């Protein structure tokens, strides 16, 4: 199954790309599965997307509130740092 990954703000800079296509083997992956697949690449993904890092995710432009959120073929997942207003 293929999904589109988009990296915004500091993640785009740290990972050296703004978007990519990712192929997942699981038939019913979750956002947590996507994160695990990206972290398995090693640095810098394992650090930037690691546990405890301030990273948010949206699936098809809707904020994901849990890593248990299901991901479907063709979905777009955006990863970004939290934003504060001023």
Protein backbone atom coordinates (compact mmCIF):
# COMPACT_ATOMS: atom_id res chain seq x y z
CA UNK A 1 0.00 0.00 0.00
CA UNK A 2 1.32 3.46 -0.90
CA UNK A 3 0.85 6.67 1.07
CA UNK A 4 2.22 10.16 0.67
CA UNK A 5 4.30 11.62 3.51
CA UNK A 6 4.75 15.39 3.83
CA UNK A 7 7.32 16.97 6.16
CA UNK A 8 6.80 20.58 7.24
CA UNK A 9 8.87 23.28 8.97
CA UNK A 10 11.95 22.03 10.87
CA UNK A 11 11.28 18.42 9.85
CA UNK A 12 11.63 19.32 6.18
CA UNK A 13 15.02 20.88 6.93
CA UNK A 14 16.24 18.10 9.25
CA UNK A 15 15.17 15.25 6.95
CA UNK A 16 16.26 16.94 3.74
CA UNK A 17 12.98 16.47 1.88
CA UNK A 18 9.52 17.96 1.81
CA UNK A 19 7.59 14.87 0.70
CA UNK A 20 7.92 11.26 -0.36
CA UNK A 21 5.90 8.18 -1.19
CA UNK A 22 6.06 5.34 1.34
CA UNK A 23 5.10 1.73 0.68
CA UNK A 24 3.75 -0.22 3.65
CA UNK A 25 3.39 -3.99 3.77
CA UNK A 26 0.57 -4.05 6.34
CA UNK A 27 -3.00 -4.27 5.05
CA UNK A 28 -4.39 -2.13 7.89
CA UNK A 29 -1.57 0.10 9.13
CA UNK A 30 -1.91 2.73 11.80
CA UNK A 31 -0.15 6.04 12.17
CA UNK A 32 2.05 4.27 14.72
CA UNK A 33 3.06 1.75 12.04
CA UNK A 34 4.02 4.59 9.71
CA UNK A 35 6.12 6.21 12.42
CA UNK A 36 7.80 2.89 13.21
CA UNK A 37 8.67 2.33 9.54
CA UNK A 38 10.20 5.79 9.27
CA UNK A 39 12.15 5.45 12.54
CA UNK A 40 13.63 2.15 11.34
CA UNK A 41 15.60 4.13 8.76
CA UNK A 42 17.86 5.36 11.54
CA UNK A 43 19.13 8.92 11.86
CA UNK A 44 17.80 11.52 11.34
CA UNK A 45 14.29 9.97 11.22
CA UNK A 46 14.68 8.01 14.45
CA UNK A 47 15.61 11.20 16.29
CA UNK A 48 13.26 13.71 14.65
CA UNK A 49 10.23 11.39 14.82
CA UNK A 50 11.28 9.69 18.07
CA UNK A 51 9.27 9.19 21.22
CA UNK A 52 9.05 12.36 23.26
CA UNK A 53 9.80 14.69 20.33
CA UNK A 54 7.33 17.51 19.70
CA UNK A 55 5.80 16.27 16.45
CA UNK A 56 2.17 16.38 15.34
CA UNK A 57 0.52 14.50 12.48
CA UNK A 58 -2.42 15.05 10.18
CA UNK A 59 -4.04 12.45 7.94
CA UNK A 60 -5.63 13.98 4.86
CA UNK A 61 -5.50 17.44 6.49
CA UNK A 62 -7.27 16.25 9.67
CA UNK A 63 -5.31 16.30 12.92
CA UNK A 64 -4.53 12.80 14.16
CA UNK A 65 -5.23 12.48 17.88
CA UNK A 66 -3.76 9.00 18.30
CA UNK A 67 -1.10 6.77 16.81
CA UNK A 68 -3.89 4.17 16.57
CA UNK A 69 -5.51 6.14 13.73
CA UNK A 70 -5.90 3.95 10.65
CA UNK A 71 -4.10 4.80 7.44
CA UNK A 72 -5.51 3.87 4.03
CA UNK A 73 -3.96 3.53 0.58
CA UNK A 74 -3.52 6.92 -1.03
CA UNK A 75 -3.71 8.86 2.24
CA UNK A 76 -1.52 11.90 2.81
CA UNK A 77 0.18 12.09 6.19
CA UNK A 78 1.83 15.34 7.23
CA UNK A 79 4.31 15.54 10.09
CA UNK A 80 5.06 18.93 11.65
CA UNK A 81 6.16 20.54 14.90
CA UNK A 82 3.51 22.16 17.10
CA UNK A 83 2.89 25.79 16.22
CA UNK A 84 2.32 28.58 18.67
CA UNK A 85 0.75 31.91 17.93
CA UNK A 86 1.97 35.26 18.98
